[in-house]
PDB file of N, CA and C in Angstrom:
ATOM      1  N   MET A   1       0.502  -1.066  -0.135  1.00  0.00           N
ATOM      2  CA  MET A   1      -0.102  -0.005  -0.051  1.00  0.00           C
ATOM      3  C   MET A   1       0.874   1.214   0.217  1.00  0.00           C
ATOM      4  N   THR A   2       0.491   2.078  -0.903  1.00  0.00           N
ATOM      5  CA  THR A   2       1.186   3.334  -1.046  1.00  0.00           C
ATOM      6  C   THR A   2       0.631   4.571  -0.282  1.00  0.00           C
ATOM      7  N   ARG A   3       1.621   5.143   0.277  1.00  0.00           N
ATOM      8  CA  ARG A   3       1.503   6.246   0.937  1.00  0.00           C
ATOM      9  C   ARG A   3       1.830   7.879   0.223  1.00  0.00           C
ATOM     10  N   ALA A   4       0.361   8.542   0.591  1.00  0.00           N
ATOM     11  CA  ALA A   4       0.919  10.190  -0.018  1.00  0.00           C
ATOM     12  C   ALA A   4       0.379  11.176   1.177  1.00  0.00           C
ATOM     13  N   THR A   5       0.945  12.197   0.975  1.00  0.00           N
ATOM     14  CA  THR A   5       0.348  13.064   1.703  1.00  0.00           C
ATOM     15  C   THR A   5      -0.608  13.823   1.190  1.00  0.00           C
ATOM     16  N   VAL A   6      -1.432  14.863   1.928  1.00  0.00           N
ATOM     17  CA  VAL A   6      -2.710  15.233   1.254  1.00  0.00           C
ATOM     18  C   VAL A   6      -1.895  16.379   0.044  1.00  0.00           C
ATOM     19  N   GLU A   7      -0.939  17.055   0.392  1.00  0.00           N
ATOM     20  CA  GLU A   7      -0.066  17.943  -0.576  1.00  0.00           C
ATOM     21  C   GLU A   7      -0.281  17.254  -1.967  1.00  0.00           C
ATOM     22  N   GLU A   8       0.736  15.838  -1.706  1.00  0.00           N
ATOM     23  CA  GLU A   8       1.041  15.028  -2.970  1.00  0.00           C
ATOM     24  C   GLU A   8      -0.499  14.644  -3.882  1.00  0.00           C
ATOM     25  N   PHE A   9      -1.459  14.436  -3.117  1.00  0.00           N
ATOM     26  CA  PHE A   9      -2.382  13.935  -3.715  1.00  0.00           C
ATOM     27  C   PHE A   9      -3.072  15.218  -4.630  1.00  0.00           C
ATOM     28  N   GLN A  10      -3.504  16.220  -3.524  1.00  0.00           N
ATOM     29  CA  GLN A  10      -3.987  17.432  -4.532  1.00  0.00           C
ATOM     30  C   GLN A  10      -2.986  17.904  -5.581  1.00  0.00           C
ATOM     31  N   GLU A  11      -1.643  17.639  -5.719  1.00  0.00           N
ATOM     32  CA  GLU A  11      -1.010  18.074  -7.000  1.00  0.00           C
ATOM     33  C   GLU A  11      -1.339  16.961  -8.032  1.00  0.00           C
ATOM     34  N   ASN A  12      -1.326  15.522  -7.699  1.00  0.00           N
ATOM     35  CA  ASN A  12      -1.287  14.732  -8.475  1.00  0.00           C
ATOM     36  C   ASN A  12      -2.389  13.502  -8.281  1.00  0.00           C
ATOM     37  N   ALA A  13      -3.826  14.283  -8.352  1.00  0.00           N
ATOM     38  CA  ALA A  13      -4.928  13.211  -7.816  1.00  0.00           C
ATOM     39  C   ALA A  13      -5.076  12.850  -9.001  1.00  0.00           C
ATOM     40  N   ALA A  14      -5.389  13.039 -10.223  1.00  0.00           N
ATOM     41  CA  ALA A  14      -5.555  12.112 -11.472  1.00  0.00           C
ATOM     42  C   ALA A  14      -5.045  10.971 -11.795  1.00  0.00           C
ATOM     43  N   VAL A  15      -3.427  11.302 -11.230  1.00  0.00           N
ATOM     44  CA  VAL A  15      -2.539  10.008 -11.356  1.00  0.00           C
ATOM     45  C   VAL A  15      -2.686   8.970 -10.401  1.00  0.00           C
ATOM     46  N   LEU A  16      -3.050   9.421  -9.095  1.00  0.00           N
ATOM     47  CA  LEU A  16      -3.269   8.835  -7.947  1.00  0.00           C
ATOM     48  C   LEU A  16      -4.477   8.263  -8.262  1.00  0.00           C
ATOM     49  N   LEU A  17      -5.478   8.593  -8.530  1.00  0.00           N
ATOM     50  CA  LEU A  17      -7.034   7.899  -8.875  1.00  0.00           C
ATOM     51  C   LEU A  17      -6.869   6.949 -10.098  1.00  0.00           C
ATOM     52  N   ALA A  18      -6.218   7.257 -10.961  1.00  0.00           N
ATOM     53  CA  ALA A  18      -5.646   6.480 -12.051  1.00  0.00           C
ATOM     54  C   ALA A  18      -5.045   5.193 -11.605  1.00  0.00           C
ATOM     55  N   ALA A  19      -4.271   5.197 -10.891  1.00  0.00           N
ATOM     56  CA  ALA A  19      -3.776   3.654  -9.773  1.00  0.00           C
ATOM     57  C   ALA A  19      -4.530   3.193  -9.158  1.00  0.00           C
ATOM     58  N   VAL A  20      -5.413   3.680  -8.554  1.00  0.00           N
ATOM     59  CA  VAL A  20      -6.376   2.761  -7.751  1.00  0.00           C
ATOM     60  C   VAL A  20      -7.202   2.200  -8.749  1.00  0.00           C
ATOM     61  N   GLU A  21      -7.811   2.804  -9.876  1.00  0.00           N
ATOM     62  CA  GLU A  21      -8.515   2.129 -10.752  1.00  0.00           C
ATOM     63  C   GLU A  21      -7.861   0.854 -11.753  1.00  0.00           C
ATOM     64  N   ARG A  22      -6.333   1.177 -11.333  1.00  0.00           N
ATOM     65  CA  ARG A  22      -5.882  -0.205 -11.836  1.00  0.00           C
ATOM     66  C   ARG A  22      -5.558  -1.000 -10.785  1.00  0.00           C
ATOM     67  N   GLY A  23      -5.994  -0.805  -9.328  1.00  0.00           N
ATOM     68  CA  GLY A  23      -5.909  -2.062  -8.324  1.00  0.00           C
ATOM     69  C   GLY A  23      -5.123  -1.454  -7.523  1.00  0.00           C
ATOM     70  N   GLU A  24      -4.344  -0.529  -7.506  1.00  0.00           N
ATOM     71  CA  GLU A  24      -3.313   0.212  -6.259  1.00  0.00           C
ATOM     72  C   GLU A  24      -4.179   0.569  -5.087  1.00  0.00           C
ATOM     73  N   GLN A  25      -3.946   0.326  -3.871  1.00  0.00           N
ATOM     74  CA  GLN A  25      -4.286   1.145  -2.686  1.00  0.00           C
ATOM     75  C   GLN A  25      -3.209   2.243  -2.178  1.00  0.00           C
ATOM     76  N   PHE A  26      -4.194   3.393  -2.190  1.00  0.00           N
ATOM     77  CA  PHE A  26      -3.504   4.436  -1.040  1.00  0.00           C
ATOM     78  C   PHE A  26      -3.843   4.835  -0.011  1.00  0.00           C
ATOM     79  N   VAL A  27      -2.640   5.293   0.788  1.00  0.00           N
ATOM     80  CA  VAL A  27      -3.742   5.650   2.293  1.00  0.00           C
ATOM     81  C   VAL A  27      -2.936   7.628   2.072  1.00  0.00           C
ATOM     82  N   ILE A  28      -3.836   8.136   2.350  1.00  0.00           N
ATOM     83  CA  ILE A  28      -3.638   9.755   2.326  1.00  0.00           C
ATOM     84  C   ILE A  28      -3.563   9.967   3.638  1.00  0.00           C
ATOM     85  N   ALA A  29      -1.981  10.743   3.931  1.00  0.00           N
ATOM     86  CA  ALA A  29      -1.806  11.173   5.397  1.00  0.00           C
ATOM     87  C   ALA A  29      -1.439  12.611   5.507  1.00  0.00           C
ATOM     88  N   ARG A  30      -1.681  12.830   6.783  1.00  0.00           N
ATOM     89  CA  ARG A  30      -1.046  14.385   7.233  1.00  0.00           C
ATOM     90  C   ARG A  30       0.030  13.935   8.220  1.00  0.00           C
ATOM     91  N   GLY A  31       1.325  14.108   7.882  1.00  0.00           N
ATOM     92  CA  GLY A  31       2.214  13.671   8.979  1.00  0.00           C
ATOM     93  C   GLY A  31       2.288  12.238   9.350  1.00  0.00           C
ATOM     94  N   GLN A  32       1.790  11.795  10.452  1.00  0.00           N
ATOM     95  CA  GLN A  32       1.798  10.157  10.482  1.00  0.00           C
ATOM     96  C   GLN A  32       0.305   9.807  10.729  1.00  0.00           C
ATOM     97  N   LYS A  33      -0.495  10.598  10.584  1.00  0.00           N
ATOM     98  CA  LYS A  33      -1.941  10.265  10.731  1.00  0.00           C
ATOM     99  C   LYS A  33      -2.881  10.116   9.366  1.00  0.00           C
ATOM    100  N   ALA A  34      -3.423   9.016   9.168  1.00  0.00           N
ATOM    101  CA  ALA A  34      -3.865   8.637   7.856  1.00  0.00           C
ATOM    102  C   ALA A  34      -4.963   9.102   8.075  1.00  0.00           C
ATOM    103  N   LEU A  35      -5.579   9.585   6.992  1.00  0.00           N
ATOM    104  CA  LEU A  35      -6.795  10.821   7.065  1.00  0.00           C
ATOM    105  C   LEU A  35      -7.926  10.087   5.963  1.00  0.00           C
ATOM    106  N   ALA A  36      -7.409   9.164   5.019  1.00  0.00           N
ATOM    107  CA  ALA A  36      -8.324   8.891   3.856  1.00  0.00           C
ATOM    108  C   ALA A  36      -7.639   7.305   3.378  1.00  0.00           C
ATOM    109  N   ARG A  37      -8.529   6.361   2.631  1.00  0.00           N
ATOM    110  CA  ARG A  37      -7.866   5.298   2.192  1.00  0.00           C
ATOM    111  C   ARG A  37      -8.419   4.632   1.049  1.00  0.00           C
ATOM    112  N   LEU A  38      -7.577   4.946  -0.231  1.00  0.00           N
ATOM    113  CA  LEU A  38      -8.329   4.918  -1.522  1.00  0.00           C
ATOM    114  C   LEU A  38      -8.178   3.378  -1.831  1.00  0.00           C
ATOM    115  N   LEU A  39      -9.484   2.824  -2.141  1.00  0.00           N
ATOM    116  CA  LEU A  39      -9.072   1.346  -2.522  1.00  0.00           C
ATOM    117  C   LEU A  39      -9.953   1.084  -3.802  1.00  0.00           C
ATOM    118  N   PRO A  40      -9.361   0.088  -4.574  1.00  0.00           N
ATOM    119  CA  PRO A  40     -10.200  -0.476  -5.968  1.00  0.00           C
ATOM    120  C   PRO A  40     -11.584  -0.475  -5.596  1.00  0.00           C
ATOM    121  N   ILE A  41     -12.505  -0.475  -6.604  1.00  0.00           N
ATOM    122  CA  ILE A  41     -14.342  -1.037  -6.825  1.00  0.00           C
ATOM    123  C   ILE A  41     -13.870  -2.411  -6.707  1.00  0.00           C
ATOM    124  N   GLU A  42     -14.695  -3.139  -6.100  1.00  0.00           N
ATOM    125  CA  GLU A  42     -14.740  -4.628  -6.136  1.00  0.00           C
ATOM    126  C   GLU A  42     -15.623  -4.941  -7.308  1.00  0.00           C
ATOM    127  N   ASP A  43     -15.627  -5.845  -8.515  1.00  0.00           N
ATOM    128  CA  ASP A  43     -16.438  -5.825  -9.470  1.00  0.00           C
ATOM    129  C   ASP A  43     -17.257  -7.531  -9.150  1.00  0.00           C
ATOM    130  N   ASP A  44     -17.825  -7.310  -7.798  1.00  0.00           N
ATOM    131  CA  ASP A  44     -18.581  -8.338  -7.504  1.00  0.00           C
ATOM    132  C   ASP A  44     -20.243  -7.684  -7.255  1.00  0.00           C
ATOM    133  N   GLU A  45     -21.258  -8.537  -7.236  1.00  0.00           N
ATOM    134  CA  GLU A  45     -22.729  -8.008  -6.943  1.00  0.00           C
ATOM    135  C   GLU A  45     -22.800  -7.539  -5.476  1.00  0.00           C
ATOM    136  N   LYS A  46     -21.973  -7.209  -4.419  1.00  0.00           N
ATOM    137  CA  LYS A  46     -22.276  -7.121  -3.197  1.00  0.00           C
ATOM    138  C   LYS A  46     -23.192  -5.761  -3.114  1.00  0.00           C
ATOM    139  N   PRO A  47     -22.420  -4.851  -3.734  1.00  0.00           N
ATOM    140  CA  PRO A  47     -22.796  -3.219  -3.714  1.00  0.00           C
ATOM    141  C   PRO A  47     -24.429  -3.378  -3.696  1.00  0.00           C
ATOM    142  N   ASP A  48     -24.825  -3.928  -5.109  1.00  0.00           N
ATOM    143  CA  ASP A  48     -25.932  -3.775  -5.683  1.00  0.00           C
ATOM    144  C   ASP A  48     -27.265  -4.543  -4.689  1.00  0.00           C
ATOM    145  N   ALA A  49     -26.680  -5.803  -3.995  1.00  0.00           N
ATOM    146  CA  ALA A  49     -27.397  -6.344  -2.892  1.00  0.00           C
ATOM    147  C   ALA A  49     -27.357  -5.381  -1.553  1.00  0.00           C
ATOM    148  N   GLU A  50     -26.297  -5.017  -1.258  1.00  0.00           N
ATOM    149  CA  GLU A  50     -26.168  -4.036   0.116  1.00  0.00           C
ATOM    150  C   GLU A  50     -27.378  -2.851  -0.132  1.00  0.00           C
ATOM    151  N   ARG A  51     -27.367  -2.439  -1.409  1.00  0.00           N
ATOM    152  CA  ARG A  51     -28.159  -1.111  -2.016  1.00  0.00           C
ATOM    153  C   ARG A  51     -29.677  -1.633  -1.795  1.00  0.00           C
ATOM    154  N   GLU A  52     -29.794  -2.772  -2.409  1.00  0.00           N
ATOM    155  CA  GLU A  52     -31.049  -3.448  -2.055  1.00  0.00           C
ATOM    156  C   GLU A  52     -32.133  -3.736  -0.668  1.00  0.00           C
ATOM    157  N   GLU A  53     -30.831  -4.033   0.149  1.00  0.00           N
ATOM    158  CA  GLU A  53     -31.121  -4.421   1.636  1.00  0.00           C
ATOM    159  C   GLU A  53     -31.465  -3.003   2.170  1.00  0.00           C
ATOM    160  N   TRP A  54     -30.440  -2.087   2.042  1.00  0.00           N
ATOM    161  CA  TRP A  54     -31.059  -0.522   2.797  1.00  0.00           C
ATOM    162  C   TRP A  54     -32.078   0.083   2.018  1.00  0.00           C
ATOM    163  N   ALA A  55     -32.349  -0.270   0.902  1.00  0.00           N
ATOM    164  CA  ALA A  55     -33.818   0.425   0.508  1.00  0.00           C
ATOM    165  C   ALA A  55     -34.700  -0.089   0.849  1.00  0.00           C
ATOM    166  N   GLY A  56     -34.528  -1.893   1.271  1.00  0.00           N
ATOM    167  CA  GLY A  56     -35.876  -2.468   1.781  1.00  0.00           C
ATOM    168  C   GLY A  56     -36.251  -2.233   3.436  1.00  0.00           C
ATOM    169  N   ALA A  57     -35.323  -1.970   3.906  1.00  0.00           N
ATOM    170  CA  ALA A  57     -35.105  -1.593   5.341  1.00  0.00           C
ATOM    171  C   ALA A  57     -35.390  -0.272   5.689  1.00  0.00           C
ATOM    172  N   GLY A  58     -35.209   0.615   4.392  1.00  0.00           N
ATOM    173  CA  GLY A  58     -35.962   2.196   4.228  1.00  0.00           C
ATOM    174  C   GLY A  58     -37.533   1.853   4.257  1.00  0.00           C
ATOM    175  N   MET A  59     -37.813   0.845   2.906  1.00  0.00           N
ATOM    176  CA  MET A  59     -39.223   0.972   3.180  1.00  0.00           C
ATOM    177  C   MET A  59     -40.116   0.396   4.129  1.00  0.00           C
ATOM    178  N   ALA A  60     -39.265  -0.783   5.219  1.00  0.00           N
ATOM    179  CA  ALA A  60     -39.992  -1.249   5.959  1.00  0.00           C
ATOM    180  C   ALA A  60     -40.205  -0.185   6.973  1.00  0.00           C
ATOM    181  N   ASN A  61     -39.485   0.380   7.309  1.00  0.00           N
ATOM    182  CA  ASN A  61     -39.334   1.800   8.328  1.00  0.00           C
ATOM    183  C   ASN A  61     -40.273   2.814   8.239  1.00  0.00           C
ATOM    184  N   LEU A  62     -40.396   3.102   6.591  1.00  0.00           N
ATOM    185  CA  LEU A  62     -41.422   3.854   6.343  1.00  0.00           C
ATOM    186  C   LEU A  62     -42.917   3.424   6.489  1.00  0.00           C
ATOM    187  N   ALA A  63     -42.845   2.070   6.275  1.00  0.00           N
ATOM    188  CA  ALA A  63     -44.434   1.249   6.513  1.00  0.00           C
ATOM    189  C   ALA A  63     -44.978   1.025   7.654  1.00  0.00           C
ATOM    190  N   ARG A  64     -43.980   1.235   8.835  1.00  0.00           N
ATOM    191  CA  ARG A  64     -43.923   1.399  10.223  1.00  0.00           C
ATOM    192  C   ARG A  64     -44.470   2.562  10.748  1.00  0.00           C
ATOM    193  N   ALA A  65     -44.253   3.501  10.145  1.00  0.00           N
ATOM    194  CA  ALA A  65     -44.011   5.184  10.309  1.00  0.00           C
ATOM    195  C   ALA A  65     -46.018   5.578   9.689  1.00  0.00           C
ATOM    196  N   TYR A  66     -46.369   4.967   8.924  1.00  0.00           N
ATOM    197  CA  TYR A  66     -47.596   4.992   8.557  1.00  0.00           C
ATOM    198  C   TYR A  66     -48.275   4.382   8.296  1.00  0.00           C
ATOM    199  N   ASP A  67     -49.754   4.617   8.806  1.00  0.00           N
ATOM    200  CA  ASP A  67     -50.892   3.353   8.859  1.00  0.00           C
ATOM    201  C   ASP A  67     -51.161   3.512   7.396  1.00  0.00           C
ATOM    202  N   ALA A  68     -52.022   2.464   7.146  1.00  0.00           N
ATOM    203  CA  ALA A  68     -52.704   1.817   5.614  1.00  0.00           C
ATOM    204  C   ALA A  68     -53.889   3.024   5.654  1.00  0.00           C
ATOM    205  N   ASP A  69     -54.528   3.510   6.827  1.00  0.00           N
ATOM    206  CA  ASP A  69     -55.369   4.731   6.665  1.00  0.00           C
ATOM    207  C   ASP A  69     -54.947   5.888   7.220  1.00  0.00           C
ATOM    208  N   GLU A  70     -53.726   6.016   7.150  1.00  0.00           N
ATOM    209  CA  GLU A  70     -53.011   7.397   7.245  1.00  0.00           C
ATOM    210  C   GLU A  70     -53.782   8.468   6.271  1.00  0.00           C
ATOM    211  N   PRO A  71     -54.314   9.580   7.006  1.00  0.00           N
ATOM    212  CA  PRO A  71     -54.968  10.761   6.083  1.00  0.00           C
ATOM    213  C   PRO A  71     -54.131  11.746   4.945  1.00  0.00           C
ATOM    214  N   ASP A  72     -54.624  11.890   4.386  1.00  0.00           N
ATOM    215  CA  ASP A  72     -53.753  12.442   2.724  1.00  0.00           C
ATOM    216  C   ASP A  72     -53.750  13.966   3.320  1.00  0.00           C
ATOM    217  N   TYR A  73     -52.746  14.899   3.630  1.00  0.00           N
ATOM    218  CA  TYR A  73     -52.580  16.027   4.605  1.00  0.00           C
ATOM    219  C   TYR A  73     -52.772  16.908   2.788  1.00  0.00           C
ATOM    220  N   SER A  74     -53.774  17.896   3.000  1.00  0.00           N
ATOM    221  CA  SER A  74     -53.766  18.729   1.830  1.00  0.00           C
ATOM    222  C   SER A  74     -52.626  19.864   2.062  1.00  0.00           C
ATOM    223  N   ALA A  75     -52.742  20.745   1.174  1.00  0.00           N
ATOM    224  CA  ALA A  75     -51.680  22.118   1.315  1.00  0.00           C
ATOM    225  C   ALA A  75     -52.298  22.845   2.058  1.00  0.00           C
ATOM    226  N   ALA A  76     -53.678  23.000   2.409  1.00  0.00           N
ATOM    227  CA  ALA A  76     -54.364  23.892   3.022  1.00  0.00           C
ATOM    228  C   ALA A  76     -54.410  23.722   4.506  1.00  0.00           C
ATOM    229  N   THR A  77     -53.487  22.707   5.014  1.00  0.00           N
ATOM    230  CA  THR A  77     -53.139  22.447   6.603  1.00  0.00           C
ATOM    231  C   THR A  77     -51.555  22.477   6.853  1.00  0.00           C
ATOM    232  N   ILE A  78     -50.838  22.921   5.516  1.00  0.00           N
ATOM    233  CA  ILE A  78     -49.572  23.090   6.071  1.00  0.00           C
ATOM    234  C   ILE A  78     -49.709  24.808   6.740  1.00  0.00           C
ATOM    235  N   ILE A  79     -48.853  24.766   7.612  1.00  0.00           N
ATOM    236  CA  ILE A  79     -48.473  26.334   8.341  1.00  0.00           C
ATOM    237  C   ILE A  79     -47.971  26.657   7.782  1.00  0.00           C
ATOM    238  N   GLU A  80     -46.505  26.498   7.566  1.00  0.00           N
ATOM    239  CA  GLU A  80     -45.148  26.646   7.172  1.00  0.00           C
ATOM    240  C   GLU A  80     -44.872  26.054   5.970  1.00  0.00           C
ATOM    241  N   PRO A  81     -44.828  26.421   4.754  1.00  0.00           N
ATOM    242  CA  PRO A  81     -44.298  25.844   3.564  1.00  0.00           C
ATOM    243  C   PRO A  81     -42.560  26.033   3.776  1.00  0.00           C
ATOM    244  N   ASN A  82     -42.136  24.777   3.169  1.00  0.00           N
ATOM    245  CA  ASN A  82     -40.629  24.308   2.902  1.00  0.00           C
ATOM    246  C   ASN A  82     -40.397  25.455   1.667  1.00  0.00           C
ATOM    247  N   PRO A  83     -39.762  26.360   1.821  1.00  0.00           N
ATOM    248  CA  PRO A  83     -39.529  27.149   0.226  1.00  0.00           C
ATOM    249  C   PRO A  83     -38.673  26.475  -0.511  1.00  0.00           C
ATOM    250  N   HIS A  84     -37.831  25.453  -0.041  1.00  0.00           N
ATOM    251  CA  HIS A  84     -36.899  24.785  -0.792  1.00  0.00           C
ATOM    252  C   HIS A  84     -37.609  23.426  -1.746  1.00  0.00           C
ATOM    253  N   TYR A  85     -38.547  23.050  -1.132  1.00  0.00           N
ATOM    254  CA  TYR A  85     -39.480  22.036  -1.567  1.00  0.00           C
ATOM    255  C   TYR A  85     -39.623  21.946  -3.021  1.00  0.00           C
ATOM    256  N   ARG A  86     -39.233  21.170  -4.042  1.00  0.00           N
ATOM    257  CA  ARG A  86     -39.710  21.126  -5.027  1.00  0.00           C
ATOM    258  C   ARG A  86     -40.420  19.591  -5.282  1.00  0.00           C
ATOM    259  N   PRO A  87     -41.648  19.438  -5.500  1.00  0.00           N
ATOM    260  CA  PRO A  87     -42.399  18.202  -5.923  1.00  0.00           C
ATOM    261  C   PRO A  87     -41.885  17.436  -7.393  1.00  0.00           C
TER     262      PRO A  87
END
């Protein structure tokens, strides 16, 4: 595993990231303290399976939060609208 300082990474980010894509591992450090570890992406199906598990857990929690007969709230019942909301 190769070590690089934050400054070296900032100067040569494209080169270091290309090396990670080729399968190399890097530790980015400031002094003796490691700040980040760059690892190549594994090409197996685990990330998709893990994403599906998280989505399923989120849907299950959402289903527990609202009953099937939960009322639909109209815009008239909103006291203070969120100005950043975009449907």
